[in-house]
Protein backbone atom coordinates (compact mmCIF):
# COMPACT_ATOMS: atom_id res chain seq x y z
CA MET A 1 0.00 0.00 0.00
CA SER A 2 1.31 3.40 -0.92
CA SER A 3 -0.51 6.48 0.24
CA PHE A 4 0.83 9.84 -0.85
CA ALA A 5 4.49 8.79 -1.03
CA LEU A 6 5.20 7.97 -4.66
CA HIS A 7 5.26 11.64 -5.64
CA HIS A 8 8.64 11.84 -3.89
CA ILE A 9 10.22 9.69 -6.59
CA ARG A 10 11.79 12.33 -8.81
CA THR A 11 11.75 10.61 -12.22
CA ARG A 12 9.54 8.31 -14.22
CA ALA A 13 12.54 6.04 -14.73
CA GLY A 14 12.81 5.76 -10.95
CA LYS A 15 9.14 4.84 -10.70
CA ARG A 16 9.50 2.31 -13.50
CA THR A 17 12.35 0.63 -11.61
CA LEU A 18 10.39 0.67 -8.35
CA TYR A 19 7.28 -0.83 -9.95
CA ARG A 20 9.31 -3.61 -11.55
CA THR A 21 10.92 -4.35 -8.17
CA ILE A 22 7.53 -4.41 -6.43
CA ARG A 23 6.09 -6.66 -9.13
CA ARG A 24 8.90 -9.18 -8.61
CA ALA A 25 8.53 -8.99 -4.81
CA LEU A 26 4.77 -9.57 -4.70
CA ARG A 27 3.56 -13.05 -4.01
CA PRO A 28 1.24 -14.70 -6.53
CA ARG A 29 -2.10 -12.84 -6.49
CA GLY A 30 -0.41 -10.04 -4.54
CA ARG A 31 -1.77 -6.54 -4.94
CA LEU A 32 -0.45 -3.02 -4.80
CA VAL A 33 -2.88 -0.27 -3.82
CA ILE A 34 -1.83 3.28 -4.65
CA VAL A 35 -3.47 6.44 -3.32
CA GLU A 36 -1.88 9.44 -4.98
CA CYS A 37 -2.22 12.73 -6.79
CA HIS A 38 -2.46 12.17 -10.56
CA PRO A 39 -3.42 15.43 -12.25
CA ALA A 40 -4.80 15.64 -15.75
CA ALA A 41 -2.29 15.74 -18.60
CA ARG A 42 -4.00 18.81 -20.09
CA ARG A 43 -2.70 21.91 -18.34
CA ALA A 44 -6.05 23.69 -18.16
CA LEU A 45 -7.68 20.71 -16.46
CA ALA A 46 -4.71 20.20 -14.13
CA ARG A 47 -4.81 23.87 -13.18
CA GLY A 48 -8.47 23.50 -12.23
CA GLN A 49 -7.68 20.38 -10.19
CA PHE A 50 -4.96 22.21 -8.25
CA GLU A 51 -7.29 25.17 -7.70
CA ALA A 52 -9.86 22.74 -6.24
CA TRP A 53 -7.13 21.26 -4.01
CA ASN A 54 -6.18 24.74 -2.87
CA ALA A 55 -9.84 25.51 -2.10
CA HIS A 56 -10.01 22.32 -0.05
CA LEU A 57 -6.92 23.37 1.93
CA ARG A 58 -8.49 26.75 2.60
CA ARG A 59 -11.22 24.99 4.56
CA ALA A 60 -8.60 24.28 7.25
CA TYR A 61 -5.94 26.94 6.58
CA SER A 62 -5.84 30.62 5.71
CA ALA A 63 -5.40 31.46 2.02
CA ARG A 64 -1.79 32.43 2.74
CA GLN A 65 -1.06 29.16 4.58
CA ALA A 66 -2.71 27.08 1.83
CA ARG A 67 -0.69 28.89 -0.85
CA SER A 68 2.48 28.37 1.21
CA LEU A 69 1.80 24.63 1.48
CA MET A 70 1.12 24.30 -2.24
CA ASN A 71 4.31 26.23 -3.06
CA ALA A 72 6.41 24.07 -0.70
CA TRP A 73 4.98 20.87 -2.13
CA ALA A 74 5.58 22.09 -5.69
CA LYS A 75 9.30 22.28 -4.92
CA GLU A 76 9.61 18.70 -3.65
CA ASP A 77 6.81 16.70 -5.26
CA VAL A 78 6.48 15.25 -8.77
CA TYR A 79 2.90 14.52 -9.81
CA VAL A 80 2.56 12.16 -12.76
CA PRO A 81 -0.61 12.40 -14.86
CA LEU A 82 -2.90 9.40 -14.47
CA ASP A 83 -2.40 8.10 -18.02
CA ALA A 84 1.39 8.13 -17.59
CA GLU A 85 1.14 6.41 -14.19
CA LEU A 86 -1.05 3.68 -15.66
CA ALA A 87 1.48 3.19 -18.47
CA LEU A 88 4.34 2.88 -15.95
CA LEU A 89 2.44 0.24 -13.98
CA ARG A 90 1.41 -1.69 -17.09
CA GLY A 91 5.03 -1.52 -18.28
CA ALA A 92 5.97 -3.32 -15.07
CA ARG A 93 3.46 -6.05 -16.02
CA PHE A 94 0.70 -5.01 -13.63
CA ASN A 95 -2.97 -5.23 -14.47
CA VAL A 96 -4.36 -1.93 -13.22
CA GLU A 97 -7.81 -0.79 -12.20
CA LEU A 98 -8.88 2.74 -11.34
CA LEU A 99 -10.95 2.26 -8.19
CA TRP A 100 -11.75 5.89 -7.39
CA ARG A 101 -10.98 9.37 -8.67
CA LYS A 102 -11.90 12.83 -7.50
CA GLY A 103 -10.17 15.77 -9.09
CA ALA A 104 -6.45 15.06 -9.24
CA PHE A 105 -6.60 12.24 -6.69
CA ALA A 106 -6.98 8.56 -7.49
CA VAL A 107 -6.91 5.12 -5.95
CA LEU A 108 -5.36 2.42 -8.16
CA LEU A 109 -5.30 -1.35 -7.73
CA ALA A 110 -2.37 -3.08 -9.42
CA SER A 111 -2.13 -6.87 -9.49
C-alpha cells in the first residue's frame, strides 16, 4: 500500500524501476494499492484540479497558509498524470484498475 508517497520519486525512470521491483517482490495474487495525486495531462484541467485542491486546503488553513503549502509541495513533489502512471504500472506487467478518482486524486489497484 502506498498512500501519498510515490510523488517523492523524482523521475519516471525511478518509478518504473520501483514498480518492476515491487512486481517481482509480490507473491502470486499479490496486490499493490496506490493512493496518490495524478493530475490531468491537459494543463487547463490540471490547473483546475490544483485550484480545487487549494480551495479544499483553505477549509482548514488561511489562504496564505494554503498557498504556502502548495508552493512548498511544488518544490519537492512530482505529480505524474494518471495516463502516464497507468502506463508505468502496465510496463511493469501489472494489471491496473482505477478504483476511485476525484479531481487530481486517485486510488489504483495493481495486481
